[in-house]
Amino acid sequence: MMCGNLLPKSTIALTLYLGLGLIATPSYAQIPPSHLAAQTLDQVLDGLRERSLSQIPYQESRSIPALKAPLETRGVLEFIPPETLIKRVESPVASTYLLSNTEIRLTDGATGETFSLKPDAIPELAYIGSSLVSLLMGNKADLLSRWHVTLGGTQRQWEMNLLPIKQDESGLRRVRIEGREGDLKKLYIEALDGSISTLTLGTR
């Protein structure tokens, strides 16, 4: 696919940052007690690797300090092993975002025009994108090279809290992930700039 003329990097960076999202604050609600044994990190990663993420619907609510009201979007997320994440926004404005180890690409749903950047142009997106790939591929070593990880809950309902080892490089304050067995259910991520978002998977 041919890419359209490149916009100024600052403009594309903001567009991709808002579109790819995946930025939220943790919810500290307690997980209900269960008779099931506590999960280990290896068990969680094994379950995620077996299920993977393939064209799952999502809803996202994101608060940005410069905006008065949260941004609400919905669409479909897709993971194409070994390294590609795709976010297809269906509403309110159609667009497609692709993030891989070699490219960050935005496609305008109305015009079909495509803009592309190298991942190092927006380090925070590259950081969290690579980390999600590590989760979905079950790559424990790569995950632990980027995050301080704590895990709670059970196989039926677990939660993972992530603090970036290189906070300034990541642009992120913290990430919290809720899951059920081998499925990701919610992502809560908080950025250093105060942006907050909740991504709920498997809902329309």
C-alpha atoms as a PDB file:
ATOM      1  CA  MET A   1       0.000   0.000   0.000  1.00  0.00           C
ATOM      2  CA  MET A   2       1.329   3.357  -0.934  1.00  0.00           C
ATOM      3  CA  CYS A   3       1.482   5.954   1.822  1.00  0.00           C
ATOM      4  CA  GLY A   4       0.240   9.473   1.396  1.00  0.00           C
ATOM      5  CA  ASN A   5       2.386  12.530   1.873  1.00  0.00           C
ATOM      6  CA  LEU A   6       3.744  12.711   5.394  1.00  0.00           C
ATOM      7  CA  LEU A   7       2.185  15.246   7.755  1.00  0.00           C
ATOM      8  CA  PRO A   8       4.403  17.082  10.236  1.00  0.00           C
ATOM      9  CA  LYS A   9       5.593  14.582  12.826  1.00  0.00           C
ATOM     10  CA  SER A  10       3.983  16.487  15.685  1.00  0.00           C
ATOM     11  CA  THR A  11       0.573  16.315  13.965  1.00  0.00           C
ATOM     12  CA  ILE A  12       0.837  12.604  13.147  1.00  0.00           C
ATOM     13  CA  ALA A  13       2.141  11.858  16.626  1.00  0.00           C
ATOM     14  CA  LEU A  14      -0.888  13.520  18.235  1.00  0.00           C
ATOM     15  CA  THR A  15      -3.309  11.764  15.855  1.00  0.00           C
ATOM     16  CA  LEU A  16      -1.771   8.359  16.459  1.00  0.00           C
ATOM     17  CA  TYR A  17      -1.528   8.959  20.195  1.00  0.00           C
ATOM     18  CA  LEU A  18      -5.235   9.785  20.406  1.00  0.00           C
ATOM     19  CA  GLY A  19      -6.263   7.012  18.030  1.00  0.00           C
ATOM     20  CA  LEU A  20      -4.199   4.107  19.309  1.00  0.00           C
ATOM     21  CA  GLY A  21      -5.072   5.107  22.854  1.00  0.00           C
ATOM     22  CA  LEU A  22      -4.485   2.157  25.178  1.00  0.00           C
ATOM     23  CA  ILE A  23      -3.881   4.764  27.887  1.00  0.00           C
ATOM     24  CA  ALA A  24      -5.765   4.518  31.194  1.00  0.00           C
ATOM     25  CA  THR A  25      -5.659   4.723  34.981  1.00  0.00           C
ATOM     26  CA  PRO A  26      -5.945   1.656  37.198  1.00  0.00           C
ATOM     27  CA  SER A  27      -9.143   0.799  38.973  1.00  0.00           C
ATOM     28  CA  TYR A  28      -8.423  -0.454  42.470  1.00  0.00           C
ATOM     29  CA  ALA A  29     -11.633  -2.436  42.974  1.00  0.00           C
ATOM     30  CA  GLN A  30     -10.935  -5.635  44.874  1.00  0.00           C
ATOM     31  CA  ILE A  31     -11.273  -8.950  43.072  1.00  0.00           C
ATOM     32  CA  PRO A  32     -13.856 -11.160  44.848  1.00  0.00           C
ATOM     33  CA  PRO A  33     -12.466 -14.007  46.978  1.00  0.00           C
ATOM     34  CA  SER A  34     -12.330 -17.376  45.266  1.00  0.00           C
ATOM     35  CA  HIS A  35     -11.465 -20.933  46.196  1.00  0.00           C
ATOM     36  CA  LEU A  36      -9.237 -21.145  43.123  1.00  0.00           C
ATOM     37  CA  ALA A  37      -5.476 -21.063  43.578  1.00  0.00           C
ATOM     38  CA  ALA A  38      -3.635 -17.847  42.769  1.00  0.00           C
ATOM     39  CA  GLN A  39      -2.284 -17.522  39.253  1.00  0.00           C
ATOM     40  CA  THR A  40       1.403 -17.372  38.448  1.00  0.00           C
ATOM     41  CA  LEU A  41       2.784 -15.119  35.727  1.00  0.00           C
ATOM     42  CA  ASP A  42       3.748 -18.153  33.660  1.00  0.00           C
ATOM     43  CA  GLN A  43       0.167 -19.478  33.817  1.00  0.00           C
ATOM     44  CA  VAL A  44      -1.304 -16.142  32.742  1.00  0.00           C
ATOM     45  CA  LEU A  45       1.124 -15.811  29.819  1.00  0.00           C
ATOM     46  CA  ASP A  46       0.492 -19.407  28.744  1.00  0.00           C
ATOM     47  CA  GLY A  47      -3.258 -18.743  28.694  1.00  0.00           C
ATOM     48  CA  LEU A  48      -2.897 -15.524  26.707  1.00  0.00           C
ATOM     49  CA  ARG A  49      -0.594 -17.180  24.193  1.00  0.00           C
ATOM     50  CA  GLU A  50      -3.064 -20.028  23.631  1.00  0.00           C
ATOM     51  CA  ARG A  51      -6.091 -17.743  23.170  1.00  0.00           C
ATOM     52  CA  SER A  52      -4.357 -14.785  21.516  1.00  0.00           C
ATOM     53  CA  LEU A  53      -6.296 -11.679  20.391  1.00  0.00           C
ATOM     54  CA  SER A  54      -8.031 -12.012  17.052  1.00  0.00           C
ATOM     55  CA  GLN A  55     -10.604  -9.471  15.883  1.00  0.00           C
ATOM     56  CA  ILE A  56     -12.164  -8.807  19.264  1.00  0.00           C
ATOM     57  CA  PRO A  57     -14.622  -5.898  19.639  1.00  0.00           C
ATOM     58  CA  TYR A  58     -13.781  -3.115  22.082  1.00  0.00           C
ATOM     59  CA  GLN A  59     -15.181   0.026  23.649  1.00  0.00           C
ATOM     60  CA  GLU A  60     -12.890   2.796  24.864  1.00  0.00           C
ATOM     61  CA  SER A  61     -13.425   5.846  27.041  1.00  0.00           C
ATOM     62  CA  ARG A  62     -10.478   8.242  27.240  1.00  0.00           C
ATOM     63  CA  SER A  63     -10.023  11.438  29.219  1.00  0.00           C
ATOM     64  CA  ILE A  64      -7.436  13.964  28.030  1.00  0.00           C
ATOM     65  CA  PRO A  65      -6.578  17.047  30.140  1.00  0.00           C
ATOM     66  CA  ALA A  66      -7.080  19.444  27.199  1.00  0.00           C
ATOM     67  CA  LEU A  67     -10.598  18.148  26.473  1.00  0.00           C
ATOM     68  CA  LYS A  68     -13.733  18.850  28.515  1.00  0.00           C
ATOM     69  CA  ALA A  69     -15.418  15.501  27.852  1.00  0.00           C
ATOM     70  CA  PRO A  70     -14.053  11.955  27.461  1.00  0.00           C
ATOM     71  CA  LEU A  71     -13.546  10.548  23.970  1.00  0.00           C
ATOM     72  CA  GLU A  72     -15.749   7.508  23.341  1.00  0.00           C
ATOM     73  CA  THR A  73     -14.819   5.089  20.565  1.00  0.00           C
ATOM     74  CA  ARG A  74     -15.625   1.541  19.548  1.00  0.00           C
ATOM     75  CA  GLY A  75     -14.315  -0.867  16.991  1.00  0.00           C
ATOM     76  CA  VAL A  76     -12.213  -4.016  16.640  1.00  0.00           C
ATOM     77  CA  LEU A  77      -8.727  -4.939  17.835  1.00  0.00           C
ATOM     78  CA  GLU A  78      -6.638  -7.572  16.086  1.00  0.00           C
ATOM     79  CA  PHE A  79      -3.266  -9.151  16.809  1.00  0.00           C
ATOM     80  CA  ILE A  80      -1.393 -10.721  13.892  1.00  0.00           C
ATOM     81  CA  PRO A  81       1.552 -12.780  15.212  1.00  0.00           C
ATOM     82  CA  PRO A  82       4.351 -12.290  15.697  1.00  0.00           C
ATOM     83  CA  GLU A  83       4.372  -8.486  16.104  1.00  0.00           C
ATOM     84  CA  THR A  84       1.475  -6.586  14.499  1.00  0.00           C
ATOM     85  CA  LEU A  85      -1.366  -4.860  16.360  1.00  0.00           C
ATOM     86  CA  ILE A  86      -4.281  -3.386  14.396  1.00  0.00           C
ATOM     87  CA  LYS A  87      -6.984  -1.108  15.791  1.00  0.00           C
ATOM     88  CA  ARG A  88      -9.979  -0.527  13.525  1.00  0.00           C
ATOM     89  CA  VAL A  89     -12.078   2.352  14.803  1.00  0.00           C
ATOM     90  CA  GLU A  90     -15.691   2.088  13.626  1.00  0.00           C
ATOM     91  CA  SER A  91     -17.252   4.961  15.575  1.00  0.00           C
ATOM     92  CA  PRO A  92     -17.395   7.927  15.749  1.00  0.00           C
ATOM     93  CA  VAL A  93     -14.954   8.287  12.809  1.00  0.00           C
ATOM     94  CA  ALA A  94     -13.699   5.307  10.825  1.00  0.00           C
ATOM     95  CA  SER A  95      -9.922   4.858  10.797  1.00  0.00           C
ATOM     96  CA  THR A  96      -7.326   2.117  11.061  1.00  0.00           C
ATOM     97  CA  TYR A  97      -4.138   2.142  13.117  1.00  0.00           C
ATOM     98  CA  LEU A  98      -1.341  -0.379  12.601  1.00  0.00           C
ATOM     99  CA  LEU A  99       1.592  -0.772  14.965  1.00  0.00           C
ATOM    100  CA  SER A 100       4.517  -3.107  14.310  1.00  0.00           C
ATOM    101  CA  ASN A 101       8.215  -3.223  15.141  1.00  0.00           C
ATOM    102  CA  THR A 102       8.988  -1.374  11.906  1.00  0.00           C
ATOM    103  CA  GLU A 103       6.051   0.982  11.337  1.00  0.00           C
ATOM    104  CA  ILE A 104       3.237   3.025  12.854  1.00  0.00           C
ATOM    105  CA  ARG A 105       0.566   3.602  10.200  1.00  0.00           C
ATOM    106  CA  LEU A 106      -2.694   5.567  10.168  1.00  0.00           C
ATOM    107  CA  THR A 107      -5.305   5.085   7.441  1.00  0.00           C
ATOM    108  CA  ASP A 108      -8.178   7.568   7.125  1.00  0.00           C
ATOM    109  CA  GLY A 109     -11.409   5.604   6.697  1.00  0.00           C
ATOM    110  CA  ALA A 110     -13.091   8.338   4.652  1.00  0.00           C
ATOM    111  CA  THR A 111     -10.341   9.111   2.149  1.00  0.00           C
ATOM    112  CA  GLY A 112      -8.192   5.984   2.276  1.00  0.00           C
ATOM    113  CA  GLU A 113      -5.119   8.195   2.695  1.00  0.00           C
ATOM    114  CA  THR A 114      -2.302   6.604   4.689  1.00  0.00           C
ATOM    115  CA  PHE A 115       0.394   8.194   6.853  1.00  0.00           C
ATOM    116  CA  SER A 116       3.416   6.331   8.177  1.00  0.00           C
ATOM    117  CA  LEU A 117       6.120   6.865  10.794  1.00  0.00           C
ATOM    118  CA  LYS A 118       8.962   4.851  12.261  1.00  0.00           C
ATOM    119  CA  PRO A 119       8.215   3.566  15.799  1.00  0.00           C
ATOM    120  CA  ASP A 120      11.060   5.569  17.344  1.00  0.00           C
ATOM    121  CA  ALA A 121       9.265   8.769  16.299  1.00  0.00           C
ATOM    122  CA  ILE A 122       6.634   8.055  19.002  1.00  0.00           C
ATOM    123  CA  PRO A 123       8.486   6.049  21.679  1.00  0.00           C
ATOM    124  CA  GLU A 124       5.521   5.738  24.065  1.00  0.00           C
ATOM    125  CA  LEU A 125       3.417   3.962  21.428  1.00  0.00           C
ATOM    126  CA  ALA A 126       6.281   1.687  20.501  1.00  0.00           C
ATOM    127  CA  TYR A 127       6.833   0.885  24.202  1.00  0.00           C
ATOM    128  CA  ILE A 128       3.296  -0.133  25.025  1.00  0.00           C
ATOM    129  CA  GLY A 129       2.725  -1.799  21.659  1.00  0.00           C
ATOM    130  CA  SER A 130       5.774  -4.002  22.110  1.00  0.00           C
ATOM    131  CA  SER A 131       4.660  -4.798  25.649  1.00  0.00           C
ATOM    132  CA  LEU A 132       1.210  -5.912  24.515  1.00  0.00           C
ATOM    133  CA  VAL A 133       2.851  -8.099  21.888  1.00  0.00           C
ATOM    134  CA  SER A 134       5.004  -9.620  24.657  1.00  0.00           C
ATOM    135  CA  LEU A 135       1.844 -10.438  26.621  1.00  0.00           C
ATOM    136  CA  LEU A 136      -0.006 -11.961  23.682  1.00  0.00           C
ATOM    137  CA  MET A 137       3.045 -13.979  22.608  1.00  0.00           C
ATOM    138  CA  GLY A 138       3.673 -15.101  26.190  1.00  0.00           C
ATOM    139  CA  ASN A 139       7.183 -13.619  26.123  1.00  0.00           C
ATOM    140  CA  LYS A 140       8.010 -13.357  29.823  1.00  0.00           C
ATOM    141  CA  ALA A 141      11.616 -12.211  29.403  1.00  0.00           C
ATOM    142  CA  ASP A 142      10.671  -9.286  27.150  1.00  0.00           C
ATOM    143  CA  LEU A 143       7.794  -8.250  29.433  1.00  0.00           C
ATOM    144  CA  LEU A 144      10.038  -8.205  32.508  1.00  0.00           C
ATOM    145  CA  SER A 145      12.684  -6.212  30.650  1.00  0.00           C
ATOM    146  CA  ARG A 146      10.176  -3.335  30.326  1.00  0.00           C
ATOM    147  CA  TRP A 147       7.962  -3.544  33.399  1.00  0.00           C
ATOM    148  CA  HIS A 148       7.892  -4.181  37.128  1.00  0.00           C
ATOM    149  CA  VAL A 149       5.067  -6.753  37.248  1.00  0.00           C
ATOM    150  CA  THR A 150       2.766  -7.707  40.132  1.00  0.00           C
ATOM    151  CA  LEU A 151      -0.026 -10.244  39.770  1.00  0.00           C
ATOM    152  CA  GLY A 152      -3.120 -10.952  41.843  1.00  0.00           C
ATOM    153  CA  GLY A 153      -6.379 -12.868  41.690  1.00  0.00           C
ATOM    154  CA  THR A 154      -7.096 -16.348  40.426  1.00  0.00           C
ATOM    155  CA  GLN A 155      -7.339 -18.245  37.157  1.00  0.00           C
ATOM    156  CA  ARG A 156     -11.006 -17.316  36.940  1.00  0.00           C
ATOM    157  CA  GLN A 157     -10.342 -13.608  37.452  1.00  0.00           C
ATOM    158  CA  TRP A 158      -6.836 -12.123  37.590  1.00  0.00           C
ATOM    159  CA  GLU A 159      -5.247  -8.689  37.521  1.00  0.00           C
ATOM    160  CA  MET A 160      -1.776  -7.585  36.472  1.00  0.00           C
ATOM    161  CA  ASN A 161      -0.212  -4.278  37.497  1.00  0.00           C
ATOM    162  CA  LEU A 162       2.658  -2.920  35.412  1.00  0.00           C
ATOM    163  CA  LEU A 163       5.038  -0.086  36.290  1.00  0.00           C
ATOM    164  CA  PRO A 164       7.431   0.896  33.475  1.00  0.00           C
ATOM    165  CA  ILE A 165      11.104   0.383  34.295  1.00  0.00           C
ATOM    166  CA  LYS A 166      12.009   3.361  32.085  1.00  0.00           C
ATOM    167  CA  GLN A 167       9.129   5.703  32.897  1.00  0.00           C
ATOM    168  CA  ASP A 168      10.386   8.747  31.004  1.00  0.00           C
ATOM    169  CA  GLU A 169      11.090   6.679  27.906  1.00  0.00           C
ATOM    170  CA  SER A 170       7.702   4.974  28.005  1.00  0.00           C
ATOM    171  CA  GLY A 171       5.621   8.109  28.608  1.00  0.00           C
ATOM    172  CA  LEU A 172       3.468   5.976  30.909  1.00  0.00           C
ATOM    173  CA  ARG A 173       2.820   6.077  34.650  1.00  0.00           C
ATOM    174  CA  ARG A 174       1.199   2.688  35.143  1.00  0.00           C
ATOM    175  CA  VAL A 175      -0.907   0.031  33.444  1.00  0.00           C
ATOM    176  CA  ARG A 176      -3.425  -2.359  34.929  1.00  0.00           C
ATOM    177  CA  ILE A 177      -4.839  -5.345  33.076  1.00  0.00           C
ATOM    178  CA  GLU A 178      -7.840  -7.444  34.077  1.00  0.00           C
ATOM    179  CA  GLY A 179      -8.332 -10.902  32.617  1.00  0.00           C
ATOM    180  CA  ARG A 180     -10.397 -14.039  32.929  1.00  0.00           C
ATOM    181  CA  GLU A 181      -8.532 -17.263  32.288  1.00  0.00           C
ATOM    182  CA  GLY A 182      -6.835 -16.762  28.888  1.00  0.00           C
ATOM    183  CA  ASP A 183      -8.816 -13.662  27.893  1.00  0.00           C
ATOM    184  CA  LEU A 184      -7.934  -9.986  28.264  1.00  0.00           C
ATOM    185  CA  LYS A 185     -11.022  -8.152  29.561  1.00  0.00           C
ATOM    186  CA  LYS A 186      -9.939  -4.597  30.457  1.00  0.00           C
ATOM    187  CA  LEU A 187      -6.925  -2.329  30.082  1.00  0.00           C
ATOM    188  CA  TYR A 188      -6.462   0.636  32.413  1.00  0.00           C
ATOM    189  CA  ILE A 189      -3.485   2.843  31.496  1.00  0.00           C
ATOM    190  CA  GLU A 190      -2.311   6.200  32.820  1.00  0.00           C
ATOM    191  CA  ALA A 191       0.094   8.405  30.873  1.00  0.00           C
ATOM    192  CA  LEU A 192       2.585  10.846  32.343  1.00  0.00           C
ATOM    193  CA  ASP A 193       0.711  13.713  30.674  1.00  0.00           C
ATOM    194  CA  GLY A 194      -2.438  12.886  32.677  1.00  0.00           C
ATOM    195  CA  SER A 195      -4.331  11.123  29.887  1.00  0.00           C
ATOM    196  CA  ILE A 196      -6.592   8.415  31.259  1.00  0.00           C
ATOM    197  CA  SER A 197      -8.482   5.714  29.382  1.00  0.00           C
ATOM    198  CA  THR A 198     -10.402   2.501  29.904  1.00  0.00           C
ATOM    199  CA  LEU A 199     -10.436  -0.124  27.170  1.00  0.00           C
ATOM    200  CA  THR A 200     -13.059  -2.882  27.569  1.00  0.00           C
ATOM    201  CA  LEU A 201     -12.679  -5.911  25.309  1.00  0.00           C
ATOM    202  CA  GLY A 202     -15.376  -8.231  24.015  1.00  0.00           C
ATOM    203  CA  THR A 203     -18.189  -5.643  24.030  1.00  0.00           C
ATOM    204  CA  ARG A 204     -20.123  -3.718  21.400  1.00  0.00           C
END
